Amino acid sequence: MANLVKDIKLVTSKMIKEHNLFPDFISWQVGYSAFSYSIEVRENLVRYAQNKEVHHGEISSIDEMRRMLIENDVDFDLEYLE
């Protein structure tokens, strides 16, 4: 997973800069997170992606990440969320 994400970030960074797609883009953040979902809840994931701007107006992405990690009993270090 780490190599795939690294490759995606490298290629998309180059494309964004070459085509000036986002003039203020400097680079991707250092970290990433990955989650798996059951196909049965696909519609929930699609709906989440479609409404993420509104959703993140109500709860920050960091607070949401913290909530998901806690709800799923995943150990984490706050240093990597901020």
PDB file of N, CA and C in Angstrom:
ATOM      1  N   MET A   1       0.820  -1.189   0.000  1.00  0.00           N
ATOM      2  CA  MET A   1       0.000   0.000   0.000  1.00  0.00           C
ATOM      3  C   MET A   1       0.870   1.261   0.000  1.00  0.00           C
ATOM      4  N   ALA A   2       1.899   1.261   0.818  1.00  0.00           N
ATOM      5  CA  ALA A   2       2.755   2.448   0.916  1.00  0.00           C
ATOM      6  C   ALA A   2       3.395   2.793  -0.428  1.00  0.00           C
ATOM      7  N   ASN A   3       3.882   1.795  -1.147  1.00  0.00           N
ATOM      8  CA  ASN A   3       4.501   2.043  -2.456  1.00  0.00           C
ATOM      9  C   ASN A   3       3.485   2.553  -3.465  1.00  0.00           C
ATOM     10  N   LEU A   4       2.278   2.005  -3.434  1.00  0.00           N
ATOM     11  CA  LEU A   4       1.230   2.452  -4.346  1.00  0.00           C
ATOM     12  C   LEU A   4       0.898   3.922  -4.087  1.00  0.00           C
ATOM     13  N   VAL A   5       0.707   4.278  -2.832  1.00  0.00           N
ATOM     14  CA  VAL A   5       0.383   5.664  -2.495  1.00  0.00           C
ATOM     15  C   VAL A   5       1.527   6.587  -2.890  1.00  0.00           C
ATOM     16  N   LYS A   6       2.754   6.169  -2.636  1.00  0.00           N
ATOM     17  CA  LYS A   6       3.918   6.977  -3.016  1.00  0.00           C
ATOM     18  C   LYS A   6       3.929   7.220  -4.524  1.00  0.00           C
ATOM     19  N   ASP A   7       3.704   6.162  -5.307  1.00  0.00           N
ATOM     20  CA  ASP A   7       3.708   6.298  -6.763  1.00  0.00           C
ATOM     21  C   ASP A   7       2.586   7.208  -7.248  1.00  0.00           C
ATOM     22  N   ILE A   8       1.404   7.065  -6.648  1.00  0.00           N
ATOM     23  CA  ILE A   8       0.272   7.921  -7.032  1.00  0.00           C
ATOM     24  C   ILE A   8       0.592   9.382  -6.722  1.00  0.00           C
ATOM     25  N   LYS A   9       1.161   9.645  -5.557  1.00  0.00           N
ATOM     26  CA  LYS A   9       1.501  11.015  -5.190  1.00  0.00           C
ATOM     27  C   LYS A   9       2.555  11.598  -6.132  1.00  0.00           C
ATOM     28  N   LEU A  10       3.564  10.804  -6.481  1.00  0.00           N
ATOM     29  CA  LEU A  10       4.611  11.291  -7.389  1.00  0.00           C
ATOM     30  C   LEU A  10       4.048  11.648  -8.756  1.00  0.00           C
ATOM     31  N   VAL A  11       3.269  10.751  -9.327  1.00  0.00           N
ATOM     32  CA  VAL A  11       2.731  10.971 -10.669  1.00  0.00           C
ATOM     33  C   VAL A  11       1.740  12.131 -10.695  1.00  0.00           C
ATOM     34  N   THR A  12       0.852  12.173  -9.706  1.00  0.00           N
ATOM     35  CA  THR A  12      -0.152  13.242  -9.706  1.00  0.00           C
ATOM     36  C   THR A  12       0.476  14.596  -9.392  1.00  0.00           C
ATOM     37  N   SER A  13       1.495  14.631  -8.546  1.00  0.00           N
ATOM     38  CA  SER A  13       2.186  15.900  -8.277  1.00  0.00           C
ATOM     39  C   SER A  13       2.788  16.452  -9.557  1.00  0.00           C
ATOM     40  N   LYS A  14       3.445  15.587 -10.306  1.00  0.00           N
ATOM     41  CA  LYS A  14       4.058  16.004 -11.570  1.00  0.00           C
ATOM     42  C   LYS A  14       2.999  16.519 -12.541  1.00  0.00           C
ATOM     43  N   MET A  15       1.888  15.800 -12.669  1.00  0.00           N
ATOM     44  CA  MET A  15       0.827  16.190 -13.594  1.00  0.00           C
ATOM     45  C   MET A  15       0.190  17.519 -13.170  1.00  0.00           C
ATOM     46  N   ILE A  16      -0.083  17.667 -11.883  1.00  0.00           N
ATOM     47  CA  ILE A  16      -0.695  18.899 -11.377  1.00  0.00           C
ATOM     48  C   ILE A  16       0.200  20.093 -11.680  1.00  0.00           C
ATOM     49  N   LYS A  17       1.499  19.940 -11.459  1.00  0.00           N
ATOM     50  CA  LYS A  17       2.432  21.044 -11.687  1.00  0.00           C
ATOM     51  C   LYS A  17       2.644  21.320 -13.175  1.00  0.00           C
ATOM     52  N   GLU A  18       2.773  20.273 -13.984  1.00  0.00           N
ATOM     53  CA  GLU A  18       2.995  20.452 -15.425  1.00  0.00           C
ATOM     54  C   GLU A  18       1.816  21.136 -16.097  1.00  0.00           C
ATOM     55  N   HIS A  19       0.607  20.815 -15.667  1.00  0.00           N
ATOM     56  CA  HIS A  19      -0.595  21.362 -16.294  1.00  0.00           C
ATOM     57  C   HIS A  19      -1.183  22.531 -15.505  1.00  0.00           C
ATOM     58  N   ASN A  20      -0.482  22.942 -14.451  1.00  0.00           N
ATOM     59  CA  ASN A  20      -0.917  24.058 -13.616  1.00  0.00           C
ATOM     60  C   ASN A  20      -2.395  23.916 -13.219  1.00  0.00           C
ATOM     61  N   LEU A  21      -2.762  22.712 -12.809  1.00  0.00           N
ATOM     62  CA  LEU A  21      -4.152  22.438 -12.463  1.00  0.00           C
ATOM     63  C   LEU A  21      -4.593  23.154 -11.193  1.00  0.00           C
ATOM     64  N   PHE A  22      -3.700  23.265 -10.242  1.00  0.00           N
ATOM     65  CA  PHE A  22      -3.971  23.959  -8.987  1.00  0.00           C
ATOM     66  C   PHE A  22      -2.766  24.861  -8.721  1.00  0.00           C
ATOM     67  N   PRO A  23      -2.865  26.121  -9.097  1.00  0.00           N
ATOM     68  CA  PRO A  23      -1.708  27.019  -9.018  1.00  0.00           C
ATOM     69  C   PRO A  23      -1.037  27.085  -7.642  1.00  0.00           C
ATOM     70  N   ASP A  24      -1.796  26.921  -6.578  1.00  0.00           N
ATOM     71  CA  ASP A  24      -1.219  27.017  -5.232  1.00  0.00           C
ATOM     72  C   ASP A  24      -0.691  25.685  -4.710  1.00  0.00           C
ATOM     73  N   PHE A  25      -0.797  24.621  -5.511  1.00  0.00           N
ATOM     74  CA  PHE A  25      -0.350  23.301  -5.072  1.00  0.00           C
ATOM     75  C   PHE A  25       1.165  23.276  -4.929  1.00  0.00           C
ATOM     76  N   ILE A  26       1.621  22.816  -3.769  1.00  0.00           N
ATOM     77  CA  ILE A  26       3.056  22.666  -3.540  1.00  0.00           C
ATOM     78  C   ILE A  26       3.410  21.189  -3.498  1.00  0.00           C
ATOM     79  N   SER A  27       2.708  20.448  -2.657  1.00  0.00           N
ATOM     80  CA  SER A  27       2.958  19.013  -2.555  1.00  0.00           C
ATOM     81  C   SER A  27       1.830  18.360  -1.765  1.00  0.00           C
ATOM     82  N   TRP A  28       1.795  17.049  -1.806  1.00  0.00           N
ATOM     83  CA  TRP A  28       0.849  16.291  -0.996  1.00  0.00           C
ATOM     84  C   TRP A  28       1.351  16.259   0.440  1.00  0.00           C
ATOM     85  N   GLN A  29       0.444  16.009   1.355  1.00  0.00           N
ATOM     86  CA  GLN A  29       0.852  15.867   2.756  1.00  0.00           C
ATOM     87  C   GLN A  29       1.758  14.653   2.891  1.00  0.00           C
ATOM     88  N   VAL A  30       2.490  14.581   3.965  1.00  0.00           N
ATOM     89  CA  VAL A  30       3.455  13.502   4.169  1.00  0.00           C
ATOM     90  C   VAL A  30       2.760  12.159   4.373  1.00  0.00           C
ATOM     91  N   GLY A  31       1.730  12.120   5.166  1.00  0.00           N
ATOM     92  CA  GLY A  31       1.086  10.844   5.495  1.00  0.00           C
ATOM     93  C   GLY A  31      -0.138  10.558   4.650  1.00  0.00           C
ATOM     94  N   TYR A  32      -0.755   9.456   4.951  1.00  0.00           N
ATOM     95  CA  TYR A  32      -2.001   9.069   4.298  1.00  0.00           C
ATOM     96  C   TYR A  32      -2.695   8.055   5.187  1.00  0.00           C
ATOM     97  N   SER A  33      -3.929   7.803   4.878  1.00  0.00           N
ATOM     98  CA  SER A  33      -4.648   6.735   5.567  1.00  0.00           C
ATOM     99  C   SER A  33      -5.424   5.956   4.515  1.00  0.00           C
ATOM    100  N   ALA A  34      -5.653   4.713   4.798  1.00  0.00           N
ATOM    101  CA  ALA A  34      -6.390   3.860   3.869  1.00  0.00           C
ATOM    102  C   ALA A  34      -7.366   2.999   4.663  1.00  0.00           C
ATOM    103  N   PHE A  35      -8.551   2.867   4.136  1.00  0.00           N
ATOM    104  CA  PHE A  35      -9.589   2.079   4.792  1.00  0.00           C
ATOM    105  C   PHE A  35     -10.215   1.158   3.767  1.00  0.00           C
ATOM    106  N   SER A  36     -10.672   0.038   4.220  1.00  0.00           N
ATOM    107  CA  SER A  36     -11.389  -0.860   3.322  1.00  0.00           C
ATOM    108  C   SER A  36     -12.867  -0.852   3.707  1.00  0.00           C
ATOM    109  N   TYR A  37     -13.711  -1.037   2.723  1.00  0.00           N
ATOM    110  CA  TYR A  37     -15.150  -1.057   2.932  1.00  0.00           C
ATOM    111  C   TYR A  37     -15.742  -2.278   2.264  1.00  0.00           C
ATOM    112  N   SER A  38     -16.791  -2.754   2.832  1.00  0.00           N
ATOM    113  CA  SER A  38     -17.531  -3.862   2.234  1.00  0.00           C
ATOM    114  C   SER A  38     -18.323  -3.328   1.050  1.00  0.00           C
ATOM    115  N   ILE A  39     -18.440  -4.098   0.013  1.00  0.00           N
ATOM    116  CA  ILE A  39     -19.193  -3.685  -1.173  1.00  0.00           C
ATOM    117  C   ILE A  39     -20.643  -3.356  -0.822  1.00  0.00           C
ATOM    118  N   GLU A  40     -21.144  -3.959   0.229  1.00  0.00           N
ATOM    119  CA  GLU A  40     -22.532  -3.717   0.634  1.00  0.00           C
ATOM    120  C   GLU A  40     -22.768  -2.282   1.089  1.00  0.00           C
ATOM    121  N   VAL A  41     -21.733  -1.589   1.523  1.00  0.00           N
ATOM    122  CA  VAL A  41     -21.901  -0.207   1.978  1.00  0.00           C
ATOM    123  C   VAL A  41     -21.326   0.803   0.973  1.00  0.00           C
ATOM    124  N   ARG A  42     -21.173   0.364  -0.239  1.00  0.00           N
ATOM    125  CA  ARG A  42     -20.617   1.221  -1.296  1.00  0.00           C
ATOM    126  C   ARG A  42     -21.383   2.537  -1.432  1.00  0.00           C
ATOM    127  N   GLU A  43     -22.698   2.475  -1.396  1.00  0.00           N
ATOM    128  CA  GLU A  43     -23.504   3.690  -1.559  1.00  0.00           C
ATOM    129  C   GLU A  43     -23.229   4.701  -0.444  1.00  0.00           C
ATOM    130  N   ASN A  44     -22.978   4.218   0.772  1.00  0.00           N
ATOM    131  CA  ASN A  44     -22.630   5.126   1.870  1.00  0.00           C
ATOM    132  C   ASN A  44     -21.333   5.858   1.566  1.00  0.00           C
ATOM    133  N   LEU A  45     -20.357   5.140   1.027  1.00  0.00           N
ATOM    134  CA  LEU A  45     -19.063   5.732   0.699  1.00  0.00           C
ATOM    135  C   LEU A  45     -19.203   6.761  -0.429  1.00  0.00           C
ATOM    136  N   VAL A  46     -19.986   6.435  -1.439  1.00  0.00           N
ATOM    137  CA  VAL A  46     -20.215   7.366  -2.550  1.00  0.00           C
ATOM    138  C   VAL A  46     -20.899   8.632  -2.034  1.00  0.00           C
ATOM    139  N   ARG A  47     -21.914   8.463  -1.205  1.00  0.00           N
ATOM    140  CA  ARG A  47     -22.640   9.600  -0.630  1.00  0.00           C
ATOM    141  C   ARG A  47     -21.693  10.468   0.226  1.00  0.00           C
ATOM    142  N   TYR A  48     -20.834   9.815   0.989  1.00  0.00           N
ATOM    143  CA  TYR A  48     -19.848  10.546   1.808  1.00  0.00           C
ATOM    144  C   TYR A  48     -18.946  11.394   0.906  1.00  0.00           C
ATOM    145  N   ALA A  49     -18.423  10.797  -0.155  1.00  0.00           N
ATOM    146  CA  ALA A  49     -17.522  11.522  -1.057  1.00  0.00           C
ATOM    147  C   ALA A  49     -18.240  12.695  -1.727  1.00  0.00           C
ATOM    148  N   GLN A  50     -19.495  12.500  -2.091  1.00  0.00           N
ATOM    149  CA  GLN A  50     -20.254  13.564  -2.749  1.00  0.00           C
ATOM    150  C   GLN A  50     -20.544  14.736  -1.810  1.00  0.00           C
ATOM    151  N   ASN A  51     -20.608  14.470  -0.531  1.00  0.00           N
ATOM    152  CA  ASN A  51     -20.975  15.502   0.446  1.00  0.00           C
ATOM    153  C   ASN A  51     -19.836  15.892   1.380  1.00  0.00           C
ATOM    154  N   LYS A  52     -18.603  15.575   1.014  1.00  0.00           N
ATOM    155  CA  LYS A  52     -17.495  15.794   1.949  1.00  0.00           C
ATOM    156  C   LYS A  52     -17.272  17.262   2.295  1.00  0.00           C
ATOM    157  N   GLU A  53     -17.519  18.183   1.373  1.00  0.00           N
ATOM    158  CA  GLU A  53     -17.320  19.598   1.686  1.00  0.00           C
ATOM    159  C   GLU A  53     -18.283  20.054   2.773  1.00  0.00           C
ATOM    160  N   VAL A  54     -19.540  19.667   2.658  1.00  0.00           N
ATOM    161  CA  VAL A  54     -20.527  20.006   3.683  1.00  0.00           C
ATOM    162  C   VAL A  54     -20.177  19.288   4.980  1.00  0.00           C
ATOM    163  N   HIS A  55     -19.856  18.003   4.866  1.00  0.00           N
ATOM    164  CA  HIS A  55     -19.536  17.190   6.033  1.00  0.00           C
ATOM    165  C   HIS A  55     -18.360  17.779   6.809  1.00  0.00           C
ATOM    166  N   HIS A  56     -17.305  18.181   6.115  1.00  0.00           N
ATOM    167  CA  HIS A  56     -16.129  18.710   6.797  1.00  0.00           C
ATOM    168  C   HIS A  56     -16.312  20.157   7.242  1.00  0.00           C
ATOM    169  N   GLY A  57     -17.440  20.750   6.893  1.00  0.00           N
ATOM    170  CA  GLY A  57     -17.807  22.033   7.481  1.00  0.00           C
ATOM    171  C   GLY A  57     -18.344  21.838   8.889  1.00  0.00           C
ATOM    172  N   GLU A  58     -18.804  20.621   9.167  1.00  0.00           N
ATOM    173  CA  GLU A  58     -19.381  20.294  10.470  1.00  0.00           C
ATOM    174  C   GLU A  58     -18.362  19.644  11.406  1.00  0.00           C
ATOM    175  N   ILE A  59     -17.450  18.870  10.862  1.00  0.00           N
ATOM    176  CA  ILE A  59     -16.425  18.177  11.657  1.00  0.00           C
ATOM    177  C   ILE A  59     -15.131  18.173  10.850  1.00  0.00           C
ATOM    178  N   SER A  60     -14.034  18.492  11.484  1.00  0.00           N
ATOM    179  CA  SER A  60     -12.756  18.540  10.763  1.00  0.00           C
ATOM    180  C   SER A  60     -12.331  17.122  10.376  1.00  0.00           C
ATOM    181  N   SER A  61     -11.503  17.039   9.372  1.00  0.00           N
ATOM    182  CA  SER A  61     -11.031  15.714   8.935  1.00  0.00           C
ATOM    183  C   SER A  61     -10.204  15.047  10.032  1.00  0.00           C
ATOM    184  N   ILE A  62      -9.479  15.838  10.814  1.00  0.00           N
ATOM    185  CA  ILE A  62      -8.678  15.267  11.910  1.00  0.00           C
ATOM    186  C   ILE A  62      -9.597  14.714  12.996  1.00  0.00           C
ATOM    187  N   ASP A  63     -10.635  15.477  13.353  1.00  0.00           N
ATOM    188  CA  ASP A  63     -11.574  14.987  14.363  1.00  0.00           C
ATOM    189  C   ASP A  63     -12.311  13.745  13.872  1.00  0.00           C
ATOM    190  N   GLU A  64     -12.639  13.732  12.594  1.00  0.00           N
ATOM    191  CA  GLU A  64     -13.313  12.559  12.040  1.00  0.00           C
ATOM    192  C   GLU A  64     -12.385  11.342  12.056  1.00  0.00           C
ATOM    193  N   MET A  65     -11.136  11.538  11.696  1.00  0.00           N
ATOM    194  CA  MET A  65     -10.165  10.442  11.710  1.00  0.00           C
ATOM    195  C   MET A  65     -10.014   9.899  13.127  1.00  0.00           C
ATOM    196  N   ARG A  66      -9.871  10.792  14.083  1.00  0.00           N
ATOM    197  CA  ARG A  66      -9.737  10.384  15.481  1.00  0.00           C
ATOM    198  C   ARG A  66     -10.957   9.555  15.912  1.00  0.00           C
ATOM    199  N   ARG A  67     -12.154  10.034  15.565  1.00  0.00           N
ATOM    200  CA  ARG A  67     -13.385   9.324  15.915  1.00  0.00           C
ATOM    201  C   ARG A  67     -13.419   7.926  15.300  1.00  0.00           C
ATOM    202  N   MET A  68     -13.064   7.822  14.026  1.00  0.00           N
ATOM    203  CA  MET A  68     -13.089   6.510  13.360  1.00  0.00           C
ATOM    204  C   MET A  68     -12.073   5.551  13.980  1.00  0.00           C
ATOM    205  N   LEU A  69     -10.894   6.050  14.285  1.00  0.00           N
ATOM    206  CA  LEU A  69      -9.874   5.194  14.892  1.00  0.00           C
ATOM    207  C   LEU A  69     -10.325   4.700  16.262  1.00  0.00           C
ATOM    208  N   ILE A  70     -10.888   5.578  17.056  1.00  0.00           N
ATOM    209  CA  ILE A  70     -11.373   5.190  18.385  1.00  0.00           C
ATOM    210  C   ILE A  70     -12.519   4.199  18.277  1.00  0.00           C
ATOM    211  N   GLU A  71     -13.486   4.482  17.396  1.00  0.00           N
ATOM    212  CA  GLU A  71     -14.642   3.587  17.221  1.00  0.00           C
ATOM    213  C   GLU A  71     -14.230   2.186  16.802  1.00  0.00           C
ATOM    214  N   ASN A  72     -13.119   2.083  16.082  1.00  0.00           N
ATOM    215  CA  ASN A  72     -12.681   0.782  15.567  1.00  0.00           C
ATOM    216  C   ASN A  72     -11.506   0.199  16.351  1.00  0.00           C
ATOM    217  N   ASP A  73     -11.271   0.745  17.538  1.00  0.00           N
ATOM    218  CA  ASP A  73     -10.224   0.245  18.440  1.00  0.00           C
ATOM    219  C   ASP A  73      -8.853   0.156  17.778  1.00  0.00           C
ATOM    220  N   VAL A  74      -8.512   1.186  17.001  1.00  0.00           N
ATOM    221  CA  VAL A  74      -7.205   1.232  16.339  1.00  0.00           C
ATOM    222  C   VAL A  74      -6.285   2.115  17.173  1.00  0.00           C
ATOM    223  N   ASP A  75      -5.131   1.578  17.555  1.00  0.00           N
ATOM    224  CA  ASP A  75      -4.151   2.374  18.291  1.00  0.00           C
ATOM    225  C   ASP A  75      -3.544   3.412  17.343  1.00  0.00           C
ATOM    226  N   PHE A  76      -3.353   4.621  17.855  1.00  0.00           N
ATOM    227  CA  PHE A  76      -2.752   5.656  17.020  1.00  0.00           C
ATOM    228  C   PHE A  76      -2.039   6.664  17.903  1.00  0.00           C
ATOM    229  N   ASP A  77      -1.162   7.424  17.296  1.00  0.00           N
ATOM    230  CA  ASP A  77      -0.413   8.466  17.977  1.00  0.00           C
ATOM    231  C   ASP A  77      -0.919   9.799  17.445  1.00  0.00           C
ATOM    232  N   LEU A  78      -1.406  10.658  18.334  1.00  0.00           N
ATOM    233  CA  LEU A  78      -1.939  11.962  17.922  1.00  0.00           C
ATOM    234  C   LEU A  78      -0.947  12.769  17.106  1.00  0.00           C
ATOM    235  N   GLU A  79       0.347  12.539  17.320  1.00  0.00           N
ATOM    236  CA  GLU A  79       1.376  13.269  16.585  1.00  0.00           C
ATOM    237  C   GLU A  79       1.179  13.131  15.070  1.00  0.00           C
ATOM    238  N   TYR A  80       0.691  11.994  14.631  1.00  0.00           N
ATOM    239  CA  TYR A  80       0.550  11.745  13.199  1.00  0.00           C
ATOM    240  C   TYR A  80      -0.772  12.240  12.630  1.00  0.00           C
ATOM    241  N   LEU A  81      -1.642  12.762  13.465  1.00  0.00           N
ATOM    242  CA  LEU A  81      -2.916  13.283  12.987  1.00  0.00           C
ATOM    243  C   LEU A  81      -2.899  14.805  12.829  1.00  0.00           C
ATOM    244  N   GLU A  82      -1.921  15.451  13.401  1.00  0.00           N
ATOM    245  CA  GLU A  82      -1.920  16.917  13.383  1.00  0.00           C
ATOM    246  C   GLU A  82      -0.814  17.470  12.546  1.00  0.00           C
TER     247      GLU A  82
END
